[in-house]
PDB file of N, CA and C in Angstrom:
ATOM      1  N   ASP A   1      75.863  87.738  79.528  1.00  0.00           N
ATOM      2  CA  ASP A   1      76.858  86.454  79.513  1.00  0.00           C
ATOM      3  C   ASP A   1      77.870  86.583  80.548  1.00  0.00           C
ATOM      4  N   TRP A   2      77.977  85.320  81.538  1.00  0.00           N
ATOM      5  CA  TRP A   2      79.218  85.797  82.025  1.00  0.00           C
ATOM      6  C   TRP A   2      80.546  84.841  82.069  1.00  0.00           C
ATOM      7  N   SER A   3      80.083  83.711  81.197  1.00  0.00           N
ATOM      8  CA  SER A   3      81.137  82.973  80.868  1.00  0.00           C
ATOM      9  C   SER A   3      81.226  82.631  79.352  1.00  0.00           C
ATOM     10  N   SER A   4      82.356  82.211  78.476  1.00  0.00           N
ATOM     11  CA  SER A   4      82.365  82.801  77.090  1.00  0.00           C
ATOM     12  C   SER A   4      83.811  81.565  76.518  1.00  0.00           C
ATOM     13  N   ASP A   5      83.850  81.552  75.420  1.00  0.00           N
ATOM     14  CA  ASP A   5      85.181  80.248  74.999  1.00  0.00           C
ATOM     15  C   ASP A   5      85.718  81.559  73.523  1.00  0.00           C
ATOM     16  N   VAL A   6      87.052  81.347  73.831  1.00  0.00           N
ATOM     17  CA  VAL A   6      87.802  81.388  72.445  1.00  0.00           C
ATOM     18  C   VAL A   6      88.393  80.168  72.000  1.00  0.00           C
ATOM     19  N   CYS A   7      88.161  80.200  70.604  1.00  0.00           N
ATOM     20  CA  CYS A   7      89.119  78.848  70.236  1.00  0.00           C
ATOM     21  C   CYS A   7      89.680  79.191  68.785  1.00  0.00           C
ATOM     22  N   SER A   8      90.407  78.232  68.772  1.00  0.00           N
ATOM     23  CA  SER A   8      91.357  78.084  67.452  1.00  0.00           C
ATOM     24  C   SER A   8      91.362  76.797  67.228  1.00  0.00           C
ATOM     25  N   SER A   9      92.532  76.963  66.051  1.00  0.00           N
ATOM     26  CA  SER A   9      92.478  75.697  65.341  1.00  0.00           C
ATOM     27  C   SER A   9      92.680  74.421  66.085  1.00  0.00           C
ATOM     28  N   ASP A  10      93.500  74.524  67.330  1.00  0.00           N
ATOM     29  CA  ASP A  10      94.068  73.089  68.602  1.00  0.00           C
ATOM     30  C   ASP A  10      93.697  73.771  69.955  1.00  0.00           C
ATOM     31  N   LEU A  11      93.004  74.879  70.295  1.00  0.00           N
ATOM     32  CA  LEU A  11      93.144  75.544  71.754  1.00  0.00           C
ATOM     33  C   LEU A  11      91.873  75.925  71.899  1.00  0.00           C
ATOM     34  N   MET A  12      91.296  76.148  73.002  1.00  0.00           N
ATOM     35  CA  MET A  12      90.134  76.645  73.553  1.00  0.00           C
ATOM     36  C   MET A  12      90.462  77.513  74.449  1.00  0.00           C
ATOM     37  N   ILE A  13      90.230  78.414  74.933  1.00  0.00           N
ATOM     38  CA  ILE A  13      90.450  79.275  76.104  1.00  0.00           C
ATOM     39  C   ILE A  13      88.886  79.940  76.486  1.00  0.00           C
ATOM     40  N   HIS A  14      88.709  78.689  77.848  1.00  0.00           N
ATOM     41  CA  HIS A  14      87.315  79.554  78.365  1.00  0.00           C
ATOM     42  C   HIS A  14      87.476  80.466  79.604  1.00  0.00           C
ATOM     43  N   TYR A  15      86.823  81.585  79.791  1.00  0.00           N
ATOM     44  CA  TYR A  15      86.887  82.297  80.672  1.00  0.00           C
ATOM     45  C   TYR A  15      85.677  83.093  81.209  1.00  0.00           C
ATOM     46  N   ASN A  16      85.966  83.146  82.203  1.00  0.00           N
ATOM     47  CA  ASN A  16      84.391  84.161  83.535  1.00  0.00           C
ATOM     48  C   ASN A  16      84.747  84.974  84.538  1.00  0.00           C
ATOM     49  N   ALA A  17      83.563  85.510  84.765  1.00  0.00           N
ATOM     50  CA  ALA A  17      84.271  86.320  85.955  1.00  0.00           C
ATOM     51  C   ALA A  17      83.285  86.739  86.359  1.00  0.00           C
ATOM     52  N   PHE A  18      83.470  86.573  87.832  1.00  0.00           N
ATOM     53  CA  PHE A  18      82.478  86.524  88.557  1.00  0.00           C
ATOM     54  C   PHE A  18      82.589  86.327  90.473  1.00  0.00           C
ATOM     55  N   SER A  19      81.111  87.025  91.124  1.00  0.00           N
ATOM     56  CA  SER A  19      81.574  87.293  92.451  1.00  0.00           C
ATOM     57  C   SER A  19      81.771  86.181  93.378  1.00  0.00           C
ATOM     58  N   THR A  20      82.479  86.040  94.228  1.00  0.00           N
ATOM     59  CA  THR A  20      82.943  85.011  95.133  1.00  0.00           C
ATOM     60  C   THR A  20      82.228  84.620  95.623  1.00  0.00           C
ATOM     61  N   SER A  21      80.891  85.109  95.634  1.00  0.00           N
ATOM     62  CA  SER A  21      79.907  85.137  96.647  1.00  0.00           C
ATOM     63  C   SER A  21      78.760  84.018  96.309  1.00  0.00           C
ATOM     64  N   ILE A  22      78.948  83.612  95.589  1.00  0.00           N
ATOM     65  CA  ILE A  22      78.346  82.462  94.568  1.00  0.00           C
ATOM     66  C   ILE A  22      78.929  81.238  95.113  1.00  0.00           C
ATOM     67  N   LEU A  23      80.140  81.006  95.358  1.00  0.00           N
ATOM     68  CA  LEU A  23      80.906  79.855  95.680  1.00  0.00           C
ATOM     69  C   LEU A  23      80.536  79.274  96.664  1.00  0.00           C
ATOM     70  N   THR A  24      80.491  78.002  97.091  1.00  0.00           N
ATOM     71  CA  THR A  24      80.390  77.217  98.367  1.00  0.00           C
ATOM     72  C   THR A  24      80.997  77.420  99.136  1.00  0.00           C
ATOM     73  N   PRO A  25      81.105  77.799 100.589  1.00  0.00           N
ATOM     74  CA  PRO A  25      82.123  77.970 101.799  1.00  0.00           C
ATOM     75  C   PRO A  25      83.214  76.664 101.339  1.00  0.00           C
ATOM     76  N   GLU A  26      82.584  75.637 100.797  1.00  0.00           N
ATOM     77  CA  GLU A  26      83.540  74.108 101.000  1.00  0.00           C
ATOM     78  C   GLU A  26      84.304  74.652  99.782  1.00  0.00           C
ATOM     79  N   ILE A  27      84.439  74.883  98.362  1.00  0.00           N
ATOM     80  CA  ILE A  27      84.955  75.178  97.467  1.00  0.00           C
ATOM     81  C   ILE A  27      85.717  76.233  97.697  1.00  0.00           C
ATOM     82  N   ALA A  28      85.678  77.900  98.116  1.00  0.00           N
ATOM     83  CA  ALA A  28      86.129  78.572  98.300  1.00  0.00           C
ATOM     84  C   ALA A  28      87.459  78.475  99.357  1.00  0.00           C
ATOM     85  N   LYS A  29      87.128  77.585 100.353  1.00  0.00           N
ATOM     86  CA  LYS A  29      87.904  77.327 101.443  1.00  0.00           C
ATOM     87  C   LYS A  29      89.108  76.191 100.464  1.00  0.00           C
ATOM     88  N   ALA A  30      88.551  75.520  99.746  1.00  0.00           N
ATOM     89  CA  ALA A  30      89.537  74.489  99.096  1.00  0.00           C
ATOM     90  C   ALA A  30      90.191  75.277  98.212  1.00  0.00           C
ATOM     91  N   TYR A  31      90.212  76.444  97.889  1.00  0.00           N
ATOM     92  CA  TYR A  31      90.952  77.116  97.247  1.00  0.00           C
ATOM     93  C   TYR A  31      91.667  78.182  97.282  1.00  0.00           C
ATOM     94  N   GLY A  32      91.247  78.484  98.656  1.00  0.00           N
ATOM     95  CA  GLY A  32      91.968  79.696  99.450  1.00  0.00           C
ATOM     96  C   GLY A  32      91.143  81.071  98.505  1.00  0.00           C
ATOM     97  N   ILE A  33      89.821  81.198  98.831  1.00  0.00           N
ATOM     98  CA  ILE A  33      89.641  82.308  98.076  1.00  0.00           C
ATOM     99  C   ILE A  33      87.944  82.675  98.872  1.00  0.00           C
ATOM    100  N   ARG A  34      88.293  84.201  99.180  1.00  0.00           N
ATOM    101  CA  ARG A  34      87.404  85.047 100.113  1.00  0.00           C
ATOM    102  C   ARG A  34      86.009  85.365  99.274  1.00  0.00           C
ATOM    103  N   ARG A  35      85.033  84.788 100.153  1.00  0.00           N
ATOM    104  CA  ARG A  35      83.802  84.700 100.019  1.00  0.00           C
ATOM    105  C   ARG A  35      83.069  86.381  99.888  1.00  0.00           C
ATOM    106  N   SER A  36      83.124  86.813  99.296  1.00  0.00           N
ATOM    107  CA  SER A  36      82.287  88.408  99.661  1.00  0.00           C
ATOM    108  C   SER A  36      81.434  88.738  97.787  1.00  0.00           C
ATOM    109  N   ASP A  37      80.125  89.657  98.453  1.00  0.00           N
ATOM    110  CA  ASP A  37      79.744  90.369  97.268  1.00  0.00           C
ATOM    111  C   ASP A  37      80.837  91.534  96.927  1.00  0.00           C
ATOM    112  N   SER A  38      81.787  91.927  97.306  1.00  0.00           N
ATOM    113  CA  SER A  38      82.758  93.108  96.835  1.00  0.00           C
ATOM    114  C   SER A  38      84.150  92.827  96.245  1.00  0.00           C
ATOM    115  N   ARG A  39      84.286  90.818  95.881  1.00  0.00           N
ATOM    116  CA  ARG A  39      85.550  90.365  95.694  1.00  0.00           C
ATOM    117  C   ARG A  39      84.936  89.366  94.308  1.00  0.00           C
ATOM    118  N   ALA A  40      85.528  89.904  92.749  1.00  0.00           N
ATOM    119  CA  ALA A  40      85.131  88.655  92.371  1.00  0.00           C
ATOM    120  C   ALA A  40      86.515  88.318  91.792  1.00  0.00           C
ATOM    121  N   LEU A  41      86.147  87.114  90.781  1.00  0.00           N
ATOM    122  CA  LEU A  41      86.824  85.801  90.810  1.00  0.00           C
ATOM    123  C   LEU A  41      86.760  85.678  89.138  1.00  0.00           C
ATOM    124  N   VAL A  42      88.356  85.763  88.598  1.00  0.00           N
ATOM    125  CA  VAL A  42      88.566  85.636  87.095  1.00  0.00           C
ATOM    126  C   VAL A  42      89.068  84.327  87.122  1.00  0.00           C
ATOM    127  N   ASN A  43      88.493  83.772  85.989  1.00  0.00           N
ATOM    128  CA  ASN A  43      88.994  81.886  86.166  1.00  0.00           C
ATOM    129  C   ASN A  43      88.791  81.835  84.299  1.00  0.00           C
ATOM    130  N   ILE A  44      90.397  81.368  84.289  1.00  0.00           N
ATOM    131  CA  ILE A  44      90.527  80.951  82.819  1.00  0.00           C
ATOM    132  C   ILE A  44      91.244  79.636  82.374  1.00  0.00           C
ATOM    133  N   SER A  45      90.957  78.708  81.889  1.00  0.00           N
ATOM    134  CA  SER A  45      91.047  77.531  81.724  1.00  0.00           C
ATOM    135  C   SER A  45      91.265  77.065  79.790  1.00  0.00           C
ATOM    136  N   VAL A  46      92.629  76.423  79.948  1.00  0.00           N
ATOM    137  CA  VAL A  46      93.455  76.608  78.433  1.00  0.00           C
ATOM    138  C   VAL A  46      92.948  74.909  78.254  1.00  0.00           C
ATOM    139  N   MET A  47      92.398  74.839  77.019  1.00  0.00           N
ATOM    140  CA  MET A  47      92.055  73.415  76.802  1.00  0.00           C
ATOM    141  C   MET A  47      92.643  73.283  75.514  1.00  0.00           C
ATOM    142  N   LYS A  48      93.749  71.895  74.802  1.00  0.00           N
ATOM    143  CA  LYS A  48      93.753  71.473  73.514  1.00  0.00           C
ATOM    144  C   LYS A  48      93.044  70.757  73.415  1.00  0.00           C
ATOM    145  N   LYS A  49      92.767  71.048  71.585  1.00  0.00           N
ATOM    146  CA  LYS A  49      91.748  70.135  70.688  1.00  0.00           C
ATOM    147  C   LYS A  49      92.984  68.868  70.168  1.00  0.00           C
ATOM    148  N   GLU A  50      92.376  67.833  69.962  1.00  0.00           N
ATOM    149  CA  GLU A  50      92.885  67.332  68.573  1.00  0.00           C
ATOM    150  C   GLU A  50      92.049  66.118  68.861  1.00  0.00           C
ATOM    151  N   GLY A  51      91.313  66.270  66.972  1.00  0.00           N
ATOM    152  CA  GLY A  51      90.926  65.562  66.220  1.00  0.00           C
ATOM    153  C   GLY A  51      89.369  65.181  67.074  1.00  0.00           C
ATOM    154  N   ASP A  52      89.091  63.945  67.395  1.00  0.00           N
ATOM    155  CA  ASP A  52      87.599  63.868  67.022  1.00  0.00           C
ATOM    156  C   ASP A  52      87.686  63.527  69.255  1.00  0.00           C
ATOM    157  N   GLN A  53      89.288  63.691  69.723  1.00  0.00           N
ATOM    158  CA  GLN A  53      89.382  63.490  70.972  1.00  0.00           C
ATOM    159  C   GLN A  53      88.633  64.880  71.736  1.00  0.00           C
ATOM    160  N   PRO A  54      88.380  63.948  73.419  1.00  0.00           N
ATOM    161  CA  PRO A  54      87.689  65.415  74.111  1.00  0.00           C
ATOM    162  C   PRO A  54      88.910  66.027  74.496  1.00  0.00           C
ATOM    163  N   PRO A  55      88.325  67.250  74.678  1.00  0.00           N
ATOM    164  CA  PRO A  55      89.870  68.328  74.880  1.00  0.00           C
ATOM    165  C   PRO A  55      90.892  67.935  76.199  1.00  0.00           C
ATOM    166  N   THR A  56      91.818  68.382  76.355  1.00  0.00           N
ATOM    167  CA  THR A  56      92.340  67.895  77.403  1.00  0.00           C
ATOM    168  C   THR A  56      93.430  69.268  78.158  1.00  0.00           C
ATOM    169  N   ALA A  57      93.714  69.389  79.215  1.00  0.00           N
ATOM    170  CA  ALA A  57      93.728  70.995  79.905  1.00  0.00           C
ATOM    171  C   ALA A  57      95.677  70.842  79.446  1.00  0.00           C
ATOM    172  N   VAL A  58      95.913  72.250  79.005  1.00  0.00           N
ATOM    173  CA  VAL A  58      97.221  72.379  78.676  1.00  0.00           C
ATOM    174  C   VAL A  58      98.020  73.677  79.799  1.00  0.00           C
ATOM    175  N   LYS A  59      98.943  73.410  80.129  1.00  0.00           N
ATOM    176  CA  LYS A  59      99.673  74.168  81.235  1.00  0.00           C
ATOM    177  C   LYS A  59     100.137  75.431  80.381  1.00  0.00           C
ATOM    178  N   ALA A  60      99.900  76.777  81.047  1.00  0.00           N
ATOM    179  CA  ALA A  60      99.668  77.672  80.133  1.00  0.00           C
ATOM    180  C   ALA A  60     100.374  78.787  81.455  1.00  0.00           C
ATOM    181  N   THR A  61     101.145  79.841  80.872  1.00  0.00           N
ATOM    182  CA  THR A  61     101.221  81.276  81.572  1.00  0.00           C
ATOM    183  C   THR A  61     100.231  82.029  81.322  1.00  0.00           C
ATOM    184  N   VAL A  62      99.774  82.805  82.552  1.00  0.00           N
ATOM    185  CA  VAL A  62      98.631  83.370  82.251  1.00  0.00           C
ATOM    186  C   VAL A  62      98.514  84.618  82.715  1.00  0.00           C
ATOM    187  N   THR A  63      98.605  85.983  82.129  1.00  0.00           N
ATOM    188  CA  THR A  63      98.655  87.515  82.798  1.00  0.00           C
ATOM    189  C   THR A  63      97.063  88.210  82.329  1.00  0.00           C
ATOM    190  N   THR A  64      96.937  88.444  83.518  1.00  0.00           N
ATOM    191  CA  THR A  64      95.356  89.451  83.325  1.00  0.00           C
ATOM    192  C   THR A  64      95.634  90.812  84.300  1.00  0.00           C
ATOM    193  N   THR A  65      95.054  91.537  82.837  1.00  0.00           N
ATOM    194  CA  THR A  65      94.882  92.659  83.823  1.00  0.00           C
ATOM    195  C   THR A  65      93.471  93.332  83.553  1.00  0.00           C
ATOM    196  N   ALA A  66      92.817  93.985  84.749  1.00  0.00           N
ATOM    197  CA  ALA A  66      91.661  94.854  84.722  1.00  0.00           C
ATOM    198  C   ALA A  66      91.837  96.077  84.658  1.00  0.00           C
ATOM    199  N   ARG A  67      90.930  96.828  83.828  1.00  0.00           N
ATOM    200  CA  ARG A  67      90.536  98.101  84.076  1.00  0.00           C
ATOM    201  C   ARG A  67      89.418  98.777  84.156  1.00  0.00           C
ATOM    202  N   ASN A  68      89.014  99.526  84.690  1.00  0.00           N
ATOM    203  CA  ASN A  68      87.575 100.315  85.256  1.00  0.00           C
ATOM    204  C   ASN A  68      87.069 101.476  83.848  1.00  0.00           C
ATOM    205  N   LEU A  69      86.117 101.551  84.107  1.00  0.00           N
ATOM    206  CA  LEU A  69      85.732 102.814  83.299  1.00  0.00           C
ATOM    207  C   LEU A  69      86.690 104.231  83.554  1.00  0.00           C
ATOM    208  N   THR A  70      86.884 104.059  84.750  1.00  0.00           N
ATOM    209  CA  THR A  70      87.587 105.312  84.771  1.00  0.00           C
ATOM    210  C   THR A  70      89.375 105.440  84.707  1.00  0.00           C
ATOM    211  N   GLY A  71      89.574 104.069  84.440  1.00  0.00           N
ATOM    212  CA  GLY A  71      90.924 104.043  83.750  1.00  0.00           C
ATOM    213  C   GLY A  71      92.088 103.427  85.145  1.00  0.00           C
ATOM    214  N   GLN A  72      91.144 103.285  86.102  1.00  0.00           N
ATOM    215  CA  GLN A  72      92.006 102.556  86.694  1.00  0.00           C
ATOM    216  C   GLN A  72      92.798 101.266  86.582  1.00  0.00           C
ATOM    217  N   THR A  73      93.760 100.859  86.183  1.00  0.00           N
ATOM    218  CA  THR A  73      94.240  99.447  85.970  1.00  0.00           C
ATOM    219  C   THR A  73      94.891  98.632  87.212  1.00  0.00           C
ATOM    220  N   ARG A  74      94.210  97.478  87.164  1.00  0.00           N
ATOM    221  CA  ARG A  74      94.826  96.544  88.179  1.00  0.00           C
ATOM    222  C   ARG A  74      95.518  95.427  87.345  1.00  0.00           C
ATOM    223  N   ASN A  75      96.461  94.699  88.222  1.00  0.00           N
ATOM    224  CA  ASN A  75      97.142  93.495  87.577  1.00  0.00           C
ATOM    225  C   ASN A  75      96.703  92.627  88.517  1.00  0.00           C
ATOM    226  N   ILE A  76      95.987  91.541  88.105  1.00  0.00           N
ATOM    227  CA  ILE A  76      95.908  90.169  88.921  1.00  0.00           C
ATOM    228  C   ILE A  76      96.769  89.182  88.875  1.00  0.00           C
ATOM    229  N   LYS A  77      97.030  88.755  90.151  1.00  0.00           N
ATOM    230  CA  LYS A  77      97.520  87.671  90.484  1.00  0.00           C
ATOM    231  C   LYS A  77      97.349  86.390  89.904  1.00  0.00           C
ATOM    232  N   MET A  78      97.378  85.786  88.925  1.00  0.00           N
ATOM    233  CA  MET A  78      96.583  84.477  88.391  1.00  0.00           C
ATOM    234  C   MET A  78      97.236  83.184  89.315  1.00  0.00           C
ATOM    235  N   ARG A  79      96.902  82.652  89.436  1.00  0.00           N
ATOM    236  CA  ARG A  79      97.874  80.713  89.837  1.00  0.00           C
ATOM    237  C   ARG A  79      96.589  80.037  89.705  1.00  0.00           C
ATOM    238  N   GLU A  80      98.100  78.714  89.248  1.00  0.00           N
ATOM    239  CA  GLU A  80      97.455  77.814  88.805  1.00  0.00           C
ATOM    240  C   GLU A  80      96.768  76.551  89.757  1.00  0.00           C
ATOM    241  N   VAL A  81      95.416  75.935  89.355  1.00  0.00           N
ATOM    242  CA  VAL A  81      94.857  74.976  90.309  1.00  0.00           C
ATOM    243  C   VAL A  81      94.348  73.838  89.484  1.00  0.00           C
ATOM    244  N   ASP A  82      94.439  72.620  89.849  1.00  0.00           N
ATOM    245  CA  ASP A  82      93.444  71.596  89.704  1.00  0.00           C
ATOM    246  C   ASP A  82      93.832  71.086  88.482  1.00  0.00           C
ATOM    247  N   TYR A  83      95.282  70.535  88.415  1.00  0.00           N
ATOM    248  CA  TYR A  83      95.324  69.688  86.929  1.00  0.00           C
ATOM    249  C   TYR A  83      95.629  68.364  87.144  1.00  0.00           C
ATOM    250  N   SER A  84      95.254  67.950  88.656  1.00  0.00           N
ATOM    251  CA  SER A  84      94.924  66.665  88.501  1.00  0.00           C
ATOM    252  C   SER A  84      93.777  65.768  88.245  1.00  0.00           C
ATOM    253  N   ASN A  85      93.200  66.231  88.187  1.00  0.00           N
ATOM    254  CA  ASN A  85      91.588  65.799  87.374  1.00  0.00           C
ATOM    255  C   ASN A  85      91.615  66.248  85.582  1.00  0.00           C
ATOM    256  N   GLY A  86      92.224  66.578  84.835  1.00  0.00           N
ATOM    257  CA  GLY A  86      92.314  66.308  83.510  1.00  0.00           C
ATOM    258  C   GLY A  86      92.096  67.539  83.239  1.00  0.00           C
ATOM    259  N   ALA A  87      91.312  68.474  84.315  1.00  0.00           N
ATOM    260  CA  ALA A  87      91.201  69.918  83.805  1.00  0.00           C
ATOM    261  C   ALA A  87      92.198  71.119  84.793  1.00  0.00           C
ATOM    262  N   GLY A  88      92.282  72.059  84.364  1.00  0.00           N
ATOM    263  CA  GLY A  88      93.328  73.191  84.632  1.00  0.00           C
ATOM    264  C   GLY A  88      92.833  74.350  84.387  1.00  0.00           C
ATOM    265  N   TYR A  89      92.901  75.244  85.727  1.00  0.00           N
ATOM    266  CA  TYR A  89      92.514  76.385  86.076  1.00  0.00           C
ATOM    267  C   TYR A  89      93.399  77.460  86.105  1.00  0.00           C
ATOM    268  N   HIS A  90      93.379  79.117  85.905  1.00  0.00           N
ATOM    269  CA  HIS A  90      94.352  79.465  86.103  1.00  0.00           C
ATOM    270  C   HIS A  90      93.162  80.471  87.046  1.00  0.00           C
ATOM    271  N   ILE A  91      93.335  80.586  88.405  1.00  0.00           N
ATOM    272  CA  ILE A  91      92.442  81.947  89.052  1.00  0.00           C
ATOM    273  C   ILE A  91      92.890  83.107  89.567  1.00  0.00           C
ATOM    274  N   GLY A  92      91.939  84.330  89.439  1.00  0.00           N
ATOM    275  CA  GLY A  92      92.851  85.097  90.127  1.00  0.00           C
ATOM    276  C   GLY A  92      91.408  86.239  90.969  1.00  0.00           C
ATOM    277  N   GLU A  93      91.660  87.006  92.049  1.00  0.00           N
ATOM    278  CA  GLU A  93      90.670  87.753  92.524  1.00  0.00           C
ATOM    279  C   GLU A  93      90.840  89.338  92.565  1.00  0.00           C
ATOM    280  N   LEU A  94      89.683  90.068  92.236  1.00  0.00           N
ATOM    281  CA  LEU A  94      90.543  91.325  92.416  1.00  0.00           C
ATOM    282  C   LEU A  94      89.028  91.827  93.367  1.00  0.00           C
ATOM    283  N   SER A  95      89.549  93.122  93.894  1.00  0.00           N
ATOM    284  CA  SER A  95      88.112  94.099  94.746  1.00  0.00           C
ATOM    285  C   SER A  95      87.289  94.583  93.318  1.00  0.00           C
ATOM    286  N   VAL A  96      85.844  94.607  93.851  1.00  0.00           N
ATOM    287  CA  VAL A  96      84.801  95.289  92.900  1.00  0.00           C
ATOM    288  C   VAL A  96      83.762  96.174  93.347  1.00  0.00           C
ATOM    289  N   ARG A  97      83.420  97.105  93.319  1.00  0.00           N
ATOM    290  CA  ARG A  97      82.576  98.255  93.644  1.00  0.00           C
ATOM    291  C   ARG A  97      80.955  97.821  92.996  1.00  0.00           C
ATOM    292  N   ASN A  98      79.844  97.695  93.822  1.00  0.00           N
ATOM    293  CA  ASN A  98      78.247  97.901  92.554  1.00  0.00           C
ATOM    294  C   ASN A  98      78.336  98.382  91.715  1.00  0.00           C
ATOM    295  N   MET A  99      77.871  98.259  90.564  1.00  0.00           N
ATOM    296  CA  MET A  99      77.800  98.180  89.212  1.00  0.00           C
ATOM    297  C   MET A  99      79.598  98.816  88.660  1.00  0.00           C
ATOM    298  N   GLU A 100      80.221  98.235  88.972  1.00  0.00           N
ATOM    299  CA  GLU A 100      81.943  98.988  88.375  1.00  0.00           C
ATOM    300  C   GLU A 100      82.024  97.826  87.208  1.00  0.00           C
ATOM    301  N   THR A 101      82.356  98.348  86.074  1.00  0.00           N
ATOM    302  CA  THR A 101      82.382  97.498  84.963  1.00  0.00           C
ATOM    303  C   THR A 101      83.894  97.357  84.503  1.00  0.00           C
ATOM    304  N   PHE A 102      84.110  96.281  84.328  1.00  0.00           N
ATOM    305  CA  PHE A 102      86.031  96.037  83.961  1.00  0.00           C
ATOM    306  C   PHE A 102      86.193  95.841  82.288  1.00  0.00           C
ATOM    307  N   ASP A 103      87.214  95.945  82.044  1.00  0.00           N
ATOM    308  CA  ASP A 103      87.712  95.671  80.478  1.00  0.00           C
ATOM    309  C   ASP A 103      88.694  94.747  81.256  1.00  0.00           C
ATOM    310  N   PHE A 104      88.691  93.430  80.829  1.00  0.00           N
ATOM    311  CA  PHE A 104      90.018  92.192  81.111  1.00  0.00           C
ATOM    312  C   PHE A 104      90.580  91.887  79.838  1.00  0.00           C
ATOM    313  N   THR A 105      92.042  92.039  79.888  1.00  0.00           N
ATOM    314  CA  THR A 105      92.932  91.508  78.834  1.00  0.00           C
ATOM    315  C   THR A 105      93.871  90.398  79.407  1.00  0.00           C
ATOM    316  N   VAL A 106      93.058  89.502  79.188  1.00  0.00           N
ATOM    317  CA  VAL A 106      94.320  88.431  79.556  1.00  0.00           C
ATOM    318  C   VAL A 106      95.199  87.533  78.182  1.00  0.00           C
ATOM    319  N   LEU A 107      96.576  87.403  78.541  1.00  0.00           N
ATOM    320  CA  LEU A 107      97.291  86.672  77.829  1.00  0.00           C
ATOM    321  C   LEU A 107      97.803  85.140  78.290  1.00  0.00           C
ATOM    322  N   VAL A 108      97.405  84.576  77.074  1.00  0.00           N
ATOM    323  CA  VAL A 108      97.648  83.414  77.410  1.00  0.00           C
ATOM    324  C   VAL A 108      98.831  82.406  76.432  1.00  0.00           C
ATOM    325  N   THR A 109      99.514  82.016  77.406  1.00  0.00           N
ATOM    326  CA  THR A 109     100.750  81.274  76.162  1.00  0.00           C
ATOM    327  C   THR A 109     101.047  79.928  76.897  1.00  0.00           C
ATOM    328  N   PRO A 110     100.238  78.895  76.201  1.00  0.00           N
ATOM    329  CA  PRO A 110     100.199  77.922  76.394  1.00  0.00           C
ATOM    330  C   PRO A 110     102.490  77.154  76.366  1.00  0.00           C
ATOM    331  N   GLU A 111     102.438  76.301  77.050  1.00  0.00           N
ATOM    332  CA  GLU A 111     103.849  75.447  77.299  1.00  0.00           C
ATOM    333  C   GLU A 111     103.902  75.177  75.988  1.00  0.00           C
ATOM    334  N   GLY A 112     105.067  75.214  75.544  1.00  0.00           N
ATOM    335  CA  GLY A 112     105.691  75.087  74.163  1.00  0.00           C
ATOM    336  C   GLY A 112     105.610  76.194  73.035  1.00  0.00           C
ATOM    337  N   ASN A 113     104.569  77.163  73.417  1.00  0.00           N
ATOM    338  CA  ASN A 113     104.359  78.011  72.555  1.00  0.00           C
ATOM    339  C   ASN A 113     104.981  79.431  73.019  1.00  0.00           C
ATOM    340  N   SER A 114     105.458  80.553  72.249  1.00  0.00           N
ATOM    341  CA  SER A 114     106.753  81.340  72.436  1.00  0.00           C
ATOM    342  C   SER A 114     105.757  82.543  72.409  1.00  0.00           C
ATOM    343  N   ARG A 115     104.101  82.778  71.124  1.00  0.00           N
ATOM    344  CA  ARG A 115     103.512  83.686  71.275  1.00  0.00           C
ATOM    345  C   ARG A 115     102.490  83.809  71.857  1.00  0.00           C
ATOM    346  N   PRO A 116     101.881  84.692  73.024  1.00  0.00           N
ATOM    347  CA  PRO A 116     100.406  84.285  73.930  1.00  0.00           C
ATOM    348  C   PRO A 116      99.061  85.117  72.751  1.00  0.00           C
ATOM    349  N   TYR A 117      98.077  83.816  73.262  1.00  0.00           N
ATOM    350  CA  TYR A 117      96.881  84.461  72.818  1.00  0.00           C
ATOM    351  C   TYR A 117      96.428  85.465  73.339  1.00  0.00           C
ATOM    352  N   THR A 118      95.061  86.424  72.610  1.00  0.00           N
ATOM    353  CA  THR A 118      94.998  87.380  73.871  1.00  0.00           C
ATOM    354  C   THR A 118      93.454  87.548  73.865  1.00  0.00           C
ATOM    355  N   VAL A 119      92.740  87.319  75.218  1.00  0.00           N
ATOM    356  CA  VAL A 119      91.276  87.348  75.026  1.00  0.00           C
ATOM    357  C   VAL A 119      91.513  88.931  75.891  1.00  0.00           C
ATOM    358  N   LYS A 120      90.060  89.496  75.231  1.00  0.00           N
ATOM    359  CA  LYS A 120      89.544  90.438  75.741  1.00  0.00           C
ATOM    360  C   LYS A 120      87.979  90.668  75.931  1.00  0.00           C
ATOM    361  N   PHE A 121      87.715  90.786  77.407  1.00  0.00           N
ATOM    362  CA  PHE A 121      86.073  91.057  77.623  1.00  0.00           C
ATOM    363  C   PHE A 121      85.581  91.900  78.748  1.00  0.00           C
ATOM    364  N   ARG A 122      84.647  92.330  78.546  1.00  0.00           N
ATOM    365  CA  ARG A 122      83.845  92.918  79.430  1.00  0.00           C
ATOM    366  C   ARG A 122      83.238  92.650  80.416  1.00  0.00           C
ATOM    367  N   GLN A 123      82.828  92.864  81.782  1.00  0.00           N
ATOM    368  CA  GLN A 123      82.411  92.534  83.115  1.00  0.00           C
ATOM    369  C   GLN A 123      81.717  93.605  84.074  1.00  0.00           C
ATOM    370  N   GLN A 124      80.571  93.605  83.834  1.00  0.00           N
ATOM    371  CA  GLN A 124      80.127  94.491  85.148  1.00  0.00           C
ATOM    372  C   GLN A 124      79.473  93.564  86.344  1.00  0.00           C
ATOM    373  N   PHE A 125      79.526  94.099  87.550  1.00  0.00           N
ATOM    374  CA  PHE A 125      79.841  93.229  88.979  1.00  0.00           C
ATOM    375  C   PHE A 125      78.728  94.135  89.436  1.00  0.00           C
ATOM    376  N   PHE A 126      78.044  93.235  89.917  1.00  0.00           N
ATOM    377  CA  PHE A 126      76.697  94.149  91.074  1.00  0.00           C
ATOM    378  C   PHE A 126      77.365  93.484  92.626  1.00  0.00           C
ATOM    379  N   THR A 127      77.312  94.221  93.300  1.00  0.00           N
ATOM    380  CA  THR A 127      77.328  93.863  94.809  1.00  0.00           C
ATOM    381  C   THR A 127      76.436  93.857  95.803  1.00  0.00           C
ATOM    382  N   GLU A 128      75.264  94.632  95.372  1.00  0.00           N
ATOM    383  CA  GLU A 128      74.221  94.601  96.348  1.00  0.00           C
ATOM    384  C   GLU A 128      73.004  94.031  96.002  1.00  0.00           C
TER     385      GLU A 128
END
């Protein structure tokens, strides 16, 4: 499973990581992403839940690190994209090798909150 959610009583954090090669050329160009089997994209969205209303995007500070199984840690530069249509995403890229596994730690601090939510997940990448 390459996509998942973390929920609290009023917040939903959606996260995934995947090869940039699956993006269409148009999407990659629109967001300035380099398509490659050896590049991965980390995608985080933060949504607020209020009663029976559909979730709405929440601005947040997102910090992401990735650690491979040999202990090498990478800080992933995240950037906000696409708040215009009611959805907000934070994306970042990293280089990956075939069968490389990363443990991701994502700190999400929604606007107006002082304490971050922590999301941890593991993802293996296949480049061949």
